[in-house]
């Protein structure tokens, strides 16, 4: 087989690339990458020093930051990804809506995701107490879409599962890390814009629509919260012993 394929693959060797060539290749790689890609991954693929690739990325980010560009290279979930600029979101949103109806998470799913994002890790009873409704079906939807994941169990009676947001959550909503979560006031504005043209589902059990098809950096790409007064830490409904805040690792995925 190796003879047919020309022998085993040769190890990558350093390639001589001018600064302009390197920058162009790095730009193309970031453009075609479906998920955020790190400087180390690019350096390994191009057989270039990581420092040189990092410098090329810095130059590209500075170049795309100029007003004549409609996209930018941003740090998202530990890597680099192209995204539309905020000032062009209205135009991009109008274009996407002209192609097909916007695909979004349902209102209950967005509210649940917002609670988890701000309170994480959180249990189902805590989420239910904040939202005031049952949400087992919504949690399953968010788990299926890999926007949340189990984060162990809370050390209280019944040992309920704790939930947290995932790297996929950061990718879908174009966040570098959780520190970039918008304020509750901004979340309210996002929700108002997201549902300006549609009515919320009538029942909690309705299946959630798919996540927005807009680019990761699009303006309404973010979970919508419950009312600001609702997003407050709430005690779990079950009684908690003194060690209530201790968490035990879980093997559940």
C-alpha atoms as a PDB file:
ATOM      1  CA  UNK A   1       0.000   0.000   0.000  1.00  0.00           C
ATOM      2  CA  UNK A   2       2.812   2.384   0.851  1.00  0.00           C
ATOM      3  CA  UNK A   3       4.321   1.724  -2.592  1.00  0.00           C
ATOM      4  CA  UNK A   4       1.002   2.624  -4.248  1.00  0.00           C
ATOM      5  CA  UNK A   5       0.752   5.768  -2.184  1.00  0.00           C
ATOM      6  CA  UNK A   6       4.366   6.681  -2.705  1.00  0.00           C
ATOM      7  CA  UNK A   7       5.597   5.618   0.714  1.00  0.00           C
ATOM      8  CA  UNK A   8       4.755   6.944   4.177  1.00  0.00           C
ATOM      9  CA  UNK A   9       4.002  10.665   4.490  1.00  0.00           C
ATOM     10  CA  UNK A  10       7.080  12.777   4.996  1.00  0.00           C
ATOM     11  CA  UNK A  11       7.370  14.891   8.108  1.00  0.00           C
ATOM     12  CA  UNK A  12       6.577  18.562   7.653  1.00  0.00           C
ATOM     13  CA  UNK A  13       9.655  20.645   6.960  1.00  0.00           C
ATOM     14  CA  UNK A  14       9.977  24.397   7.377  1.00  0.00           C
ATOM     15  CA  UNK A  15       8.744  26.283   4.319  1.00  0.00           C
ATOM     16  CA  UNK A  16      10.196  29.613   3.330  1.00  0.00           C
ATOM     17  CA  UNK A  17       7.344  32.100   3.099  1.00  0.00           C
ATOM     18  CA  UNK A  18       7.550  35.851   2.744  1.00  0.00           C
ATOM     19  CA  UNK A  19       5.594  37.873   5.292  1.00  0.00           C
ATOM     20  CA  UNK A  20       2.924  38.742   2.711  1.00  0.00           C
ATOM     21  CA  UNK A  21       2.598  35.110   1.633  1.00  0.00           C
ATOM     22  CA  UNK A  22       2.340  33.884   5.197  1.00  0.00           C
ATOM     23  CA  UNK A  23      -0.303  36.458   6.019  1.00  0.00           C
ATOM     24  CA  UNK A  24      -2.340  35.483   2.947  1.00  0.00           C
ATOM     25  CA  UNK A  25      -2.168  31.772   3.780  1.00  0.00           C
ATOM     26  CA  UNK A  26      -3.091  32.358   7.444  1.00  0.00           C
ATOM     27  CA  UNK A  27      -6.040  34.512   6.352  1.00  0.00           C
ATOM     28  CA  UNK A  28      -7.262  31.746   4.021  1.00  0.00           C
ATOM     29  CA  UNK A  29      -6.954  29.120   6.769  1.00  0.00           C
ATOM     30  CA  UNK A  30      -8.957  31.183   9.268  1.00  0.00           C
ATOM     31  CA  UNK A  31     -11.569  31.793   6.575  1.00  0.00           C
ATOM     32  CA  UNK A  32     -12.118  28.126   5.685  1.00  0.00           C
ATOM     33  CA  UNK A  33     -11.907  26.769   9.253  1.00  0.00           C
ATOM     34  CA  UNK A  34     -15.357  25.769  10.498  1.00  0.00           C
ATOM     35  CA  UNK A  35     -14.330  26.119  14.146  1.00  0.00           C
ATOM     36  CA  UNK A  36     -11.961  28.570  15.858  1.00  0.00           C
ATOM     37  CA  UNK A  37      -8.393  27.580  15.024  1.00  0.00           C
ATOM     38  CA  UNK A  38      -5.343  28.252  17.186  1.00  0.00           C
ATOM     39  CA  UNK A  39      -2.024  29.760  16.161  1.00  0.00           C
ATOM     40  CA  UNK A  40      -0.339  26.483  17.152  1.00  0.00           C
ATOM     41  CA  UNK A  41      -2.551  24.514  14.745  1.00  0.00           C
ATOM     42  CA  UNK A  42      -1.755  26.880  11.891  1.00  0.00           C
ATOM     43  CA  UNK A  43       1.948  26.826  12.708  1.00  0.00           C
ATOM     44  CA  UNK A  44       2.009  23.019  12.715  1.00  0.00           C
ATOM     45  CA  UNK A  45       0.192  22.827   9.381  1.00  0.00           C
ATOM     46  CA  UNK A  46       2.512  25.353   7.709  1.00  0.00           C
ATOM     47  CA  UNK A  47       5.689  24.165   9.459  1.00  0.00           C
ATOM     48  CA  UNK A  48       6.275  27.710  10.693  1.00  0.00           C
ATOM     49  CA  UNK A  49       7.353  29.019  14.105  1.00  0.00           C
ATOM     50  CA  UNK A  50       4.318  29.709  16.291  1.00  0.00           C
ATOM     51  CA  UNK A  51       5.641  33.198  17.035  1.00  0.00           C
ATOM     52  CA  UNK A  52       5.683  34.048  13.334  1.00  0.00           C
ATOM     53  CA  UNK A  53       2.127  32.832  12.854  1.00  0.00           C
ATOM     54  CA  UNK A  54       1.000  34.790  15.916  1.00  0.00           C
ATOM     55  CA  UNK A  55       2.552  37.942  14.455  1.00  0.00           C
ATOM     56  CA  UNK A  56       0.779  37.300  11.141  1.00  0.00           C
ATOM     57  CA  UNK A  57      -2.536  36.916  12.975  1.00  0.00           C
ATOM     58  CA  UNK A  58      -1.945  40.158  14.867  1.00  0.00           C
ATOM     59  CA  UNK A  59      -1.278  42.000  11.582  1.00  0.00           C
ATOM     60  CA  UNK A  60      -4.412  40.516  10.013  1.00  0.00           C
ATOM     61  CA  UNK A  61      -6.557  41.469  13.000  1.00  0.00           C
ATOM     62  CA  UNK A  62      -5.247  45.027  12.788  1.00  0.00           C
ATOM     63  CA  UNK A  63      -5.880  45.159   9.038  1.00  0.00           C
ATOM     64  CA  UNK A  64      -9.424  43.788   9.248  1.00  0.00           C
ATOM     65  CA  UNK A  65     -10.184  46.221  12.046  1.00  0.00           C
ATOM     66  CA  UNK A  66     -10.105  49.073   9.501  1.00  0.00           C
ATOM     67  CA  UNK A  67     -13.542  50.493   8.551  1.00  0.00           C
ATOM     68  CA  UNK A  68     -13.260  49.400   4.910  1.00  0.00           C
ATOM     69  CA  UNK A  69     -13.607  45.754   5.965  1.00  0.00           C
ATOM     70  CA  UNK A  70     -16.968  44.217   6.797  1.00  0.00           C
ATOM     71  CA  UNK A  71     -15.531  41.225   8.643  1.00  0.00           C
ATOM     72  CA  UNK A  72     -12.973  40.863  11.403  1.00  0.00           C
ATOM     73  CA  UNK A  73     -10.789  38.129  12.847  1.00  0.00           C
ATOM     74  CA  UNK A  74     -11.723  37.593  16.498  1.00  0.00           C
ATOM     75  CA  UNK A  75     -10.524  35.418  19.327  1.00  0.00           C
ATOM     76  CA  UNK A  76     -13.330  32.967  20.037  1.00  0.00           C
ATOM     77  CA  UNK A  77     -13.212  30.026  22.485  1.00  0.00           C
ATOM     78  CA  UNK A  78      -9.428  29.931  22.548  1.00  0.00           C
ATOM     79  CA  UNK A  79      -8.924  30.194  18.782  1.00  0.00           C
ATOM     80  CA  UNK A  80      -9.382  32.586  15.863  1.00  0.00           C
ATOM     81  CA  UNK A  81     -12.471  32.907  13.676  1.00  0.00           C
ATOM     82  CA  UNK A  82     -13.839  35.320  11.096  1.00  0.00           C
ATOM     83  CA  UNK A  83     -17.031  37.136  12.011  1.00  0.00           C
ATOM     84  CA  UNK A  84     -19.096  40.033  10.722  1.00  0.00           C
ATOM     85  CA  UNK A  85     -18.635  43.404  12.385  1.00  0.00           C
ATOM     86  CA  UNK A  86     -21.294  44.702  14.750  1.00  0.00           C
ATOM     87  CA  UNK A  87     -21.900  47.866  12.729  1.00  0.00           C
ATOM     88  CA  UNK A  88     -22.999  45.770   9.746  1.00  0.00           C
ATOM     89  CA  UNK A  89     -25.306  43.400  11.614  1.00  0.00           C
ATOM     90  CA  UNK A  90     -28.507  45.133  10.510  1.00  0.00           C
ATOM     91  CA  UNK A  91     -27.569  44.732   6.851  1.00  0.00           C
ATOM     92  CA  UNK A  92     -26.431  41.131   7.306  1.00  0.00           C
ATOM     93  CA  UNK A  93     -29.573  40.268   9.274  1.00  0.00           C
ATOM     94  CA  UNK A  94     -31.802  41.804   6.592  1.00  0.00           C
ATOM     95  CA  UNK A  95     -30.001  39.792   3.908  1.00  0.00           C
ATOM     96  CA  UNK A  96     -30.284  36.502   5.808  1.00  0.00           C
ATOM     97  CA  UNK A  97     -33.977  37.097   6.504  1.00  0.00           C
ATOM     98  CA  UNK A  98     -34.533  37.748   2.791  1.00  0.00           C
ATOM     99  CA  UNK A  99     -33.209  34.283   1.977  1.00  0.00           C
ATOM    100  CA  UNK A 100     -35.263  32.214   4.429  1.00  0.00           C
ATOM    101  CA  UNK A 101     -36.967  32.555   7.808  1.00  0.00           C
ATOM    102  CA  UNK A 102     -34.520  33.060  10.671  1.00  0.00           C
ATOM    103  CA  UNK A 103     -33.816  29.886  12.618  1.00  0.00           C
ATOM    104  CA  UNK A 104     -33.567  30.430  16.349  1.00  0.00           C
ATOM    105  CA  UNK A 105     -33.861  28.655  19.636  1.00  0.00           C
ATOM    106  CA  UNK A 106     -37.321  28.844  21.188  1.00  0.00           C
ATOM    107  CA  UNK A 107     -37.959  31.476  23.850  1.00  0.00           C
ATOM    108  CA  UNK A 108     -37.989  28.902  26.708  1.00  0.00           C
ATOM    109  CA  UNK A 109     -34.685  27.476  25.458  1.00  0.00           C
ATOM    110  CA  UNK A 110     -33.106  30.923  25.260  1.00  0.00           C
ATOM    111  CA  UNK A 111     -34.290  31.823  28.757  1.00  0.00           C
ATOM    112  CA  UNK A 112     -32.994  28.546  30.185  1.00  0.00           C
ATOM    113  CA  UNK A 113     -29.653  28.983  28.434  1.00  0.00           C
ATOM    114  CA  UNK A 114     -29.354  32.505  29.825  1.00  0.00           C
ATOM    115  CA  UNK A 115     -30.012  31.287  33.382  1.00  0.00           C
ATOM    116  CA  UNK A 116     -27.350  28.593  33.045  1.00  0.00           C
ATOM    117  CA  UNK A 117     -24.857  31.009  31.457  1.00  0.00           C
ATOM    118  CA  UNK A 118     -25.094  33.471  34.356  1.00  0.00           C
ATOM    119  CA  UNK A 119     -25.625  31.119  37.293  1.00  0.00           C
ATOM    120  CA  UNK A 120     -23.540  28.104  36.201  1.00  0.00           C
ATOM    121  CA  UNK A 121     -23.172  25.533  37.377  1.00  0.00           C
ATOM    122  CA  UNK A 122     -26.898  25.253  38.037  1.00  0.00           C
ATOM    123  CA  UNK A 123     -29.277  22.379  38.726  1.00  0.00           C
ATOM    124  CA  UNK A 124     -32.658  21.772  37.102  1.00  0.00           C
ATOM    125  CA  UNK A 125     -34.553  22.712  40.339  1.00  0.00           C
ATOM    126  CA  UNK A 126     -32.609  25.998  40.542  1.00  0.00           C
ATOM    127  CA  UNK A 127     -33.393  26.782  36.908  1.00  0.00           C
ATOM    128  CA  UNK A 128     -37.050  25.871  37.457  1.00  0.00           C
ATOM    129  CA  UNK A 129     -37.273  28.140  40.513  1.00  0.00           C
ATOM    130  CA  UNK A 130     -35.827  31.098  38.608  1.00  0.00           C
ATOM    131  CA  UNK A 131     -38.005  30.623  35.508  1.00  0.00           C
ATOM    132  CA  UNK A 132     -41.094  29.480  37.395  1.00  0.00           C
ATOM    133  CA  UNK A 133     -41.861  26.649  34.949  1.00  0.00           C
ATOM    134  CA  UNK A 134     -40.788  23.083  34.295  1.00  0.00           C
ATOM    135  CA  UNK A 135     -38.062  22.749  31.673  1.00  0.00           C
ATOM    136  CA  UNK A 136     -36.894  19.138  31.343  1.00  0.00           C
ATOM    137  CA  UNK A 137     -37.628  19.121  27.607  1.00  0.00           C
ATOM    138  CA  UNK A 138     -35.713  22.366  27.100  1.00  0.00           C
ATOM    139  CA  UNK A 139     -32.673  21.027  28.968  1.00  0.00           C
ATOM    140  CA  UNK A 140     -32.674  17.976  26.697  1.00  0.00           C
ATOM    141  CA  UNK A 141     -32.773  20.244  23.641  1.00  0.00           C
ATOM    142  CA  UNK A 142     -29.796  22.277  24.888  1.00  0.00           C
ATOM    143  CA  UNK A 143     -27.896  19.078  25.726  1.00  0.00           C
ATOM    144  CA  UNK A 144     -28.622  17.629  22.285  1.00  0.00           C
ATOM    145  CA  UNK A 145     -27.323  20.797  20.652  1.00  0.00           C
ATOM    146  CA  UNK A 146     -24.209  20.615  22.873  1.00  0.00           C
ATOM    147  CA  UNK A 147     -24.791  24.150  24.168  1.00  0.00           C
ATOM    148  CA  UNK A 148     -24.723  22.855  27.760  1.00  0.00           C
ATOM    149  CA  UNK A 149     -23.170  19.834  29.449  1.00  0.00           C
ATOM    150  CA  UNK A 150     -23.250  18.050  32.799  1.00  0.00           C
ATOM    151  CA  UNK A 151     -20.765  19.444  35.324  1.00  0.00           C
ATOM    152  CA  UNK A 152     -20.990  16.910  38.118  1.00  0.00           C
ATOM    153  CA  UNK A 153     -23.636  16.662  40.818  1.00  0.00           C
ATOM    154  CA  UNK A 154     -24.506  19.020  43.649  1.00  0.00           C
ATOM    155  CA  UNK A 155     -23.831  17.604  47.110  1.00  0.00           C
ATOM    156  CA  UNK A 156     -27.402  17.890  48.406  1.00  0.00           C
ATOM    157  CA  UNK A 157     -30.271  15.444  48.892  1.00  0.00           C
ATOM    158  CA  UNK A 158     -30.916  13.696  45.606  1.00  0.00           C
ATOM    159  CA  UNK A 159     -27.586  14.876  44.173  1.00  0.00           C
ATOM    160  CA  UNK A 160     -29.109  16.722  41.162  1.00  0.00           C
ATOM    161  CA  UNK A 161     -27.013  17.158  38.039  1.00  0.00           C
ATOM    162  CA  UNK A 162     -25.240  20.499  37.598  1.00  0.00           C
ATOM    163  CA  UNK A 163     -25.241  22.104  34.160  1.00  0.00           C
ATOM    164  CA  UNK A 164     -22.763  24.505  32.564  1.00  0.00           C
ATOM    165  CA  UNK A 165     -22.272  26.056  29.134  1.00  0.00           C
ATOM    166  CA  UNK A 166     -19.830  24.490  26.671  1.00  0.00           C
ATOM    167  CA  UNK A 167     -17.209  25.510  24.140  1.00  0.00           C
ATOM    168  CA  UNK A 168     -19.921  25.074  21.493  1.00  0.00           C
ATOM    169  CA  UNK A 169     -21.916  27.763  23.329  1.00  0.00           C
ATOM    170  CA  UNK A 170     -18.967  30.163  23.007  1.00  0.00           C
ATOM    171  CA  UNK A 171     -18.598  29.301  19.316  1.00  0.00           C
ATOM    172  CA  UNK A 172     -22.293  29.691  18.489  1.00  0.00           C
ATOM    173  CA  UNK A 173     -22.501  33.096  20.143  1.00  0.00           C
ATOM    174  CA  UNK A 174     -19.053  34.385  19.146  1.00  0.00           C
ATOM    175  CA  UNK A 175     -17.648  34.786  22.650  1.00  0.00           C
ATOM    176  CA  UNK A 176     -13.968  34.651  23.589  1.00  0.00           C
ATOM    177  CA  UNK A 177     -14.914  33.495  27.087  1.00  0.00           C
ATOM    178  CA  UNK A 178     -17.703  33.955  29.621  1.00  0.00           C
ATOM    179  CA  UNK A 179     -16.396  37.384  30.596  1.00  0.00           C
ATOM    180  CA  UNK A 180     -17.792  38.634  27.266  1.00  0.00           C
ATOM    181  CA  UNK A 181     -21.368  37.749  28.214  1.00  0.00           C
ATOM    182  CA  UNK A 182     -23.533  40.847  27.704  1.00  0.00           C
ATOM    183  CA  UNK A 183     -25.190  42.567  30.629  1.00  0.00           C
ATOM    184  CA  UNK A 184     -28.765  41.691  31.552  1.00  0.00           C
ATOM    185  CA  UNK A 185     -29.930  44.952  29.962  1.00  0.00           C
ATOM    186  CA  UNK A 186     -28.161  44.037  26.725  1.00  0.00           C
ATOM    187  CA  UNK A 187     -29.680  40.556  26.911  1.00  0.00           C
ATOM    188  CA  UNK A 188     -33.149  42.081  27.154  1.00  0.00           C
ATOM    189  CA  UNK A 189     -32.451  44.121  24.014  1.00  0.00           C
ATOM    190  CA  UNK A 190     -31.182  41.008  22.216  1.00  0.00           C
ATOM    191  CA  UNK A 191     -34.362  39.144  23.124  1.00  0.00           C
ATOM    192  CA  UNK A 192     -36.559  42.037  22.003  1.00  0.00           C
ATOM    193  CA  UNK A 193     -34.807  42.163  18.630  1.00  0.00           C
ATOM    194  CA  UNK A 194     -34.753  38.392  18.194  1.00  0.00           C
ATOM    195  CA  UNK A 195     -38.491  38.036  18.692  1.00  0.00           C
ATOM    196  CA  UNK A 196     -39.693  41.284  17.140  1.00  0.00           C
ATOM    197  CA  UNK A 197     -40.960  39.431  14.069  1.00  0.00           C
ATOM    198  CA  UNK A 198     -42.232  36.236  15.683  1.00  0.00           C
ATOM    199  CA  UNK A 199     -44.464  35.076  18.518  1.00  0.00           C
ATOM    200  CA  UNK A 200     -43.039  32.942  21.355  1.00  0.00           C
ATOM    201  CA  UNK A 201     -44.156  29.287  21.469  1.00  0.00           C
ATOM    202  CA  UNK A 202     -47.352  28.672  23.414  1.00  0.00           C
ATOM    203  CA  UNK A 203     -46.180  25.637  25.391  1.00  0.00           C
ATOM    204  CA  UNK A 204     -42.987  24.649  27.197  1.00  0.00           C
ATOM    205  CA  UNK A 205     -43.088  21.233  25.534  1.00  0.00           C
ATOM    206  CA  UNK A 206     -42.818  22.577  21.991  1.00  0.00           C
ATOM    207  CA  UNK A 207     -39.541  21.546  20.313  1.00  0.00           C
ATOM    208  CA  UNK A 208     -36.932  24.271  19.962  1.00  0.00           C
ATOM    209  CA  UNK A 209     -35.997  25.487  16.514  1.00  0.00           C
ATOM    210  CA  UNK A 210     -32.387  25.248  15.465  1.00  0.00           C
ATOM    211  CA  UNK A 211     -29.742  27.813  16.404  1.00  0.00           C
ATOM    212  CA  UNK A 212     -29.510  30.966  14.303  1.00  0.00           C
ATOM    213  CA  UNK A 213     -27.875  30.405  10.956  1.00  0.00           C
ATOM    214  CA  UNK A 214     -26.129  33.764  11.097  1.00  0.00           C
ATOM    215  CA  UNK A 215     -22.315  33.947  11.473  1.00  0.00           C
ATOM    216  CA  UNK A 216     -20.953  33.529  14.977  1.00  0.00           C
ATOM    217  CA  UNK A 217     -20.376  37.252  15.385  1.00  0.00           C
ATOM    218  CA  UNK A 218     -23.843  38.300  14.174  1.00  0.00           C
ATOM    219  CA  UNK A 219     -25.708  40.822  16.269  1.00  0.00           C
ATOM    220  CA  UNK A 220     -28.569  38.675  17.521  1.00  0.00           C
ATOM    221  CA  UNK A 221     -26.354  35.646  18.068  1.00  0.00           C
ATOM    222  CA  UNK A 222     -26.770  35.280  21.809  1.00  0.00           C
ATOM    223  CA  UNK A 223     -29.037  33.645  24.343  1.00  0.00           C
ATOM    224  CA  UNK A 224     -32.012  35.698  25.471  1.00  0.00           C
ATOM    225  CA  UNK A 225     -32.636  35.982  29.216  1.00  0.00           C
ATOM    226  CA  UNK A 226     -35.622  35.949  31.414  1.00  0.00           C
ATOM    227  CA  UNK A 227     -36.637  39.320  32.838  1.00  0.00           C
ATOM    228  CA  UNK A 228     -33.782  41.022  34.620  1.00  0.00           C
ATOM    229  CA  UNK A 229     -35.433  40.587  37.978  1.00  0.00           C
ATOM    230  CA  UNK A 230     -35.602  36.842  37.422  1.00  0.00           C
ATOM    231  CA  UNK A 231     -31.917  36.250  36.768  1.00  0.00           C
ATOM    232  CA  UNK A 232     -30.948  36.155  40.406  1.00  0.00           C
ATOM    233  CA  UNK A 233     -29.280  33.287  42.280  1.00  0.00           C
ATOM    234  CA  UNK A 234     -31.944  31.060  43.770  1.00  0.00           C
ATOM    235  CA  UNK A 235     -31.639  28.310  46.320  1.00  0.00           C
ATOM    236  CA  UNK A 236     -32.350  24.794  45.069  1.00  0.00           C
ATOM    237  CA  UNK A 237     -35.814  23.584  45.954  1.00  0.00           C
ATOM    238  CA  UNK A 238     -34.502  20.589  47.848  1.00  0.00           C
ATOM    239  CA  UNK A 239     -33.130  21.163  51.410  1.00  0.00           C
ATOM    240  CA  UNK A 240     -29.400  21.723  51.507  1.00  0.00           C
ATOM    241  CA  UNK A 241     -27.020  20.513  54.231  1.00  0.00           C
ATOM    242  CA  UNK A 242     -24.076  22.706  55.301  1.00  0.00           C
ATOM    243  CA  UNK A 243     -21.935  21.344  52.459  1.00  0.00           C
ATOM    244  CA  UNK A 244     -24.472  22.473  49.866  1.00  0.00           C
ATOM    245  CA  UNK A 245     -21.984  24.261  47.645  1.00  0.00           C
ATOM    246  CA  UNK A 246     -19.566  21.377  47.357  1.00  0.00           C
ATOM    247  CA  UNK A 247     -19.594  19.658  44.008  1.00  0.00           C
ATOM    248  CA  UNK A 248     -18.654  16.099  43.272  1.00  0.00           C
ATOM    249  CA  UNK A 249     -17.192  15.106  39.918  1.00  0.00           C
ATOM    250  CA  UNK A 250     -19.391  13.109  37.632  1.00  0.00           C
ATOM    251  CA  UNK A 251     -18.554  10.682  34.930  1.00  0.00           C
ATOM    252  CA  UNK A 252     -21.681  11.664  33.013  1.00  0.00           C
ATOM    253  CA  UNK A 253     -21.155  13.372  29.699  1.00  0.00           C
END
